[in-house]
Amino acid sequence: MCLALPARIVALLDNDTAVVDLGGVRKTISIELTPQAQVNDYVIVHVGHAIGLVDAEEAERTLALFAELAAQQAETP
């Protein structure tokens, strides 16, 4: 199973790379496939590469669902 997550771009770097934030975790990723991406845009990240842009509202809904799932799993013994 493959998993791609929405993450917000917090900085653009040289060489088609950017720093994204995902729940407080920051990671440098490639934006070569999404050269139009800008700071504060949400991108879908898969194995260190932004593979597409996503609407901010949709990204926030998705992240909220992941947080809800994580909270439910933490409650389960």
C-alpha atoms as a PDB file:
ATOM      1  CA  MET A   1       0.000   0.000   0.000  1.00  0.00           C
ATOM      2  CA  CYS A   2       1.253   3.466  -0.878  1.00  0.00           C
ATOM      3  CA  LEU A   3       0.522   6.522   1.191  1.00  0.00           C
ATOM      4  CA  ALA A   4       0.763  10.137   0.105  1.00  0.00           C
ATOM      5  CA  LEU A   5       0.119  12.929   2.586  1.00  0.00           C
ATOM      6  CA  PRO A   6      -0.734  16.605   2.217  1.00  0.00           C
ATOM      7  CA  ALA A   7       1.944  18.913   3.598  1.00  0.00           C
ATOM      8  CA  ARG A   8       2.334  22.704   3.623  1.00  0.00           C
ATOM      9  CA  ILE A   9       5.370  24.259   1.980  1.00  0.00           C
ATOM     10  CA  VAL A  10       7.175  26.513   4.456  1.00  0.00           C
ATOM     11  CA  ALA A  11      10.284  27.372   2.415  1.00  0.00           C
ATOM     12  CA  LEU A  12      11.541  27.111  -1.133  1.00  0.00           C
ATOM     13  CA  LEU A  13      15.163  26.054  -1.529  1.00  0.00           C
ATOM     14  CA  ASP A  14      17.512  25.808  -4.491  1.00  0.00           C
ATOM     15  CA  ASN A  15      17.524  22.934  -6.983  1.00  0.00           C
ATOM     16  CA  ASP A  16      13.769  22.247  -7.060  1.00  0.00           C
ATOM     17  CA  THR A  17      13.529  21.484  -3.362  1.00  0.00           C
ATOM     18  CA  ALA A  18      11.349  22.817  -0.579  1.00  0.00           C
ATOM     19  CA  VAL A  19      10.794  22.366   3.130  1.00  0.00           C
ATOM     20  CA  VAL A  20       7.337  21.127   4.127  1.00  0.00           C
ATOM     21  CA  ASP A  21       5.606  20.970   7.486  1.00  0.00           C
ATOM     22  CA  LEU A  22       3.442  18.030   8.417  1.00  0.00           C
ATOM     23  CA  GLY A  23       2.146  18.237  11.956  1.00  0.00           C
ATOM     24  CA  GLY A  24       5.281  19.933  13.243  1.00  0.00           C
ATOM     25  CA  VAL A  25       7.661  17.649  11.375  1.00  0.00           C
ATOM     26  CA  ARG A  26       9.712  19.458   8.759  1.00  0.00           C
ATOM     27  CA  LYS A  27      11.288  17.671   5.839  1.00  0.00           C
ATOM     28  CA  THR A  28      13.095  18.669   2.679  1.00  0.00           C
ATOM     29  CA  ILE A  29      11.382  17.311  -0.428  1.00  0.00           C
ATOM     30  CA  SER A  30      11.690  17.543  -4.188  1.00  0.00           C
ATOM     31  CA  ILE A  31       9.232  19.835  -5.974  1.00  0.00           C
ATOM     32  CA  GLU A  32      10.544  19.003  -9.423  1.00  0.00           C
ATOM     33  CA  LEU A  33       7.133  17.587 -10.402  1.00  0.00           C
ATOM     34  CA  THR A  34       5.314  20.679  -9.056  1.00  0.00           C
ATOM     35  CA  PRO A  35       7.470  23.648 -10.106  1.00  0.00           C
ATOM     36  CA  GLN A  36       4.507  26.014  -9.673  1.00  0.00           C
ATOM     37  CA  ALA A  37       4.345  25.307  -5.907  1.00  0.00           C
ATOM     38  CA  GLN A  38       4.833  28.309  -3.631  1.00  0.00           C
ATOM     39  CA  VAL A  39       5.239  28.910   0.101  1.00  0.00           C
ATOM     40  CA  ASN A  40       1.983  28.120   1.987  1.00  0.00           C
ATOM     41  CA  ASP A  41       0.714  25.863  -0.812  1.00  0.00           C
ATOM     42  CA  TYR A  42      -0.258  22.327   0.130  1.00  0.00           C
ATOM     43  CA  VAL A  43       1.277  19.525  -1.876  1.00  0.00           C
ATOM     44  CA  ILE A  44       0.739  15.785  -1.843  1.00  0.00           C
ATOM     45  CA  VAL A  45       4.018  14.167  -0.747  1.00  0.00           C
ATOM     46  CA  HIS A  46       4.982  10.613  -1.626  1.00  0.00           C
ATOM     47  CA  VAL A  47       8.431   9.195  -0.794  1.00  0.00           C
ATOM     48  CA  GLY A  48      10.044  12.624  -0.595  1.00  0.00           C
ATOM     49  CA  HIS A  49       8.502  14.086  -3.753  1.00  0.00           C
ATOM     50  CA  ALA A  50       5.627  16.512  -4.184  1.00  0.00           C
ATOM     51  CA  ILE A  51       3.422  14.796  -6.753  1.00  0.00           C
ATOM     52  CA  GLY A  52       0.663  17.389  -6.962  1.00  0.00           C
ATOM     53  CA  LEU A  53      -0.913  20.489  -5.481  1.00  0.00           C
ATOM     54  CA  VAL A  54      -4.000  20.206  -3.295  1.00  0.00           C
ATOM     55  CA  ASP A  55      -6.576  22.747  -2.195  1.00  0.00           C
ATOM     56  CA  ALA A  56      -5.862  24.074   1.321  1.00  0.00           C
ATOM     57  CA  GLU A  57      -9.353  23.241   2.625  1.00  0.00           C
ATOM     58  CA  GLU A  58      -9.140  19.686   1.310  1.00  0.00           C
ATOM     59  CA  ALA A  59      -5.644  19.257   2.775  1.00  0.00           C
ATOM     60  CA  GLU A  60      -6.801  20.481   6.191  1.00  0.00           C
ATOM     61  CA  ARG A  61      -9.814  18.128   6.134  1.00  0.00           C
ATOM     62  CA  THR A  62      -7.557  15.209   5.246  1.00  0.00           C
ATOM     63  CA  LEU A  63      -5.061  16.071   7.982  1.00  0.00           C
ATOM     64  CA  ALA A  64      -7.904  16.366  10.513  1.00  0.00           C
ATOM     65  CA  LEU A  65      -9.101  12.878   9.552  1.00  0.00           C
ATOM     66  CA  PHE A  66      -5.592  11.464  10.026  1.00  0.00           C
ATOM     67  CA  ALA A  67      -5.404  13.159  13.457  1.00  0.00           C
ATOM     68  CA  GLU A  68      -8.786  11.697  14.424  1.00  0.00           C
ATOM     69  CA  LEU A  69      -7.678   8.234  13.352  1.00  0.00           C
ATOM     70  CA  ALA A  70      -4.445   8.544  15.329  1.00  0.00           C
ATOM     71  CA  ALA A  71      -6.378   9.626  18.441  1.00  0.00           C
ATOM     72  CA  GLN A  72      -8.727   6.659  18.125  1.00  0.00           C
ATOM     73  CA  GLN A  73      -5.813   4.259  17.748  1.00  0.00           C
ATOM     74  CA  ALA A  74      -4.144   5.745  20.825  1.00  0.00           C
ATOM     75  CA  GLU A  75      -7.296   5.026  22.843  1.00  0.00           C
ATOM     76  CA  THR A  76      -7.403   1.378  21.751  1.00  0.00           C
ATOM     77  CA  PRO A  77      -5.413  -0.886  24.109  1.00  0.00           C
END
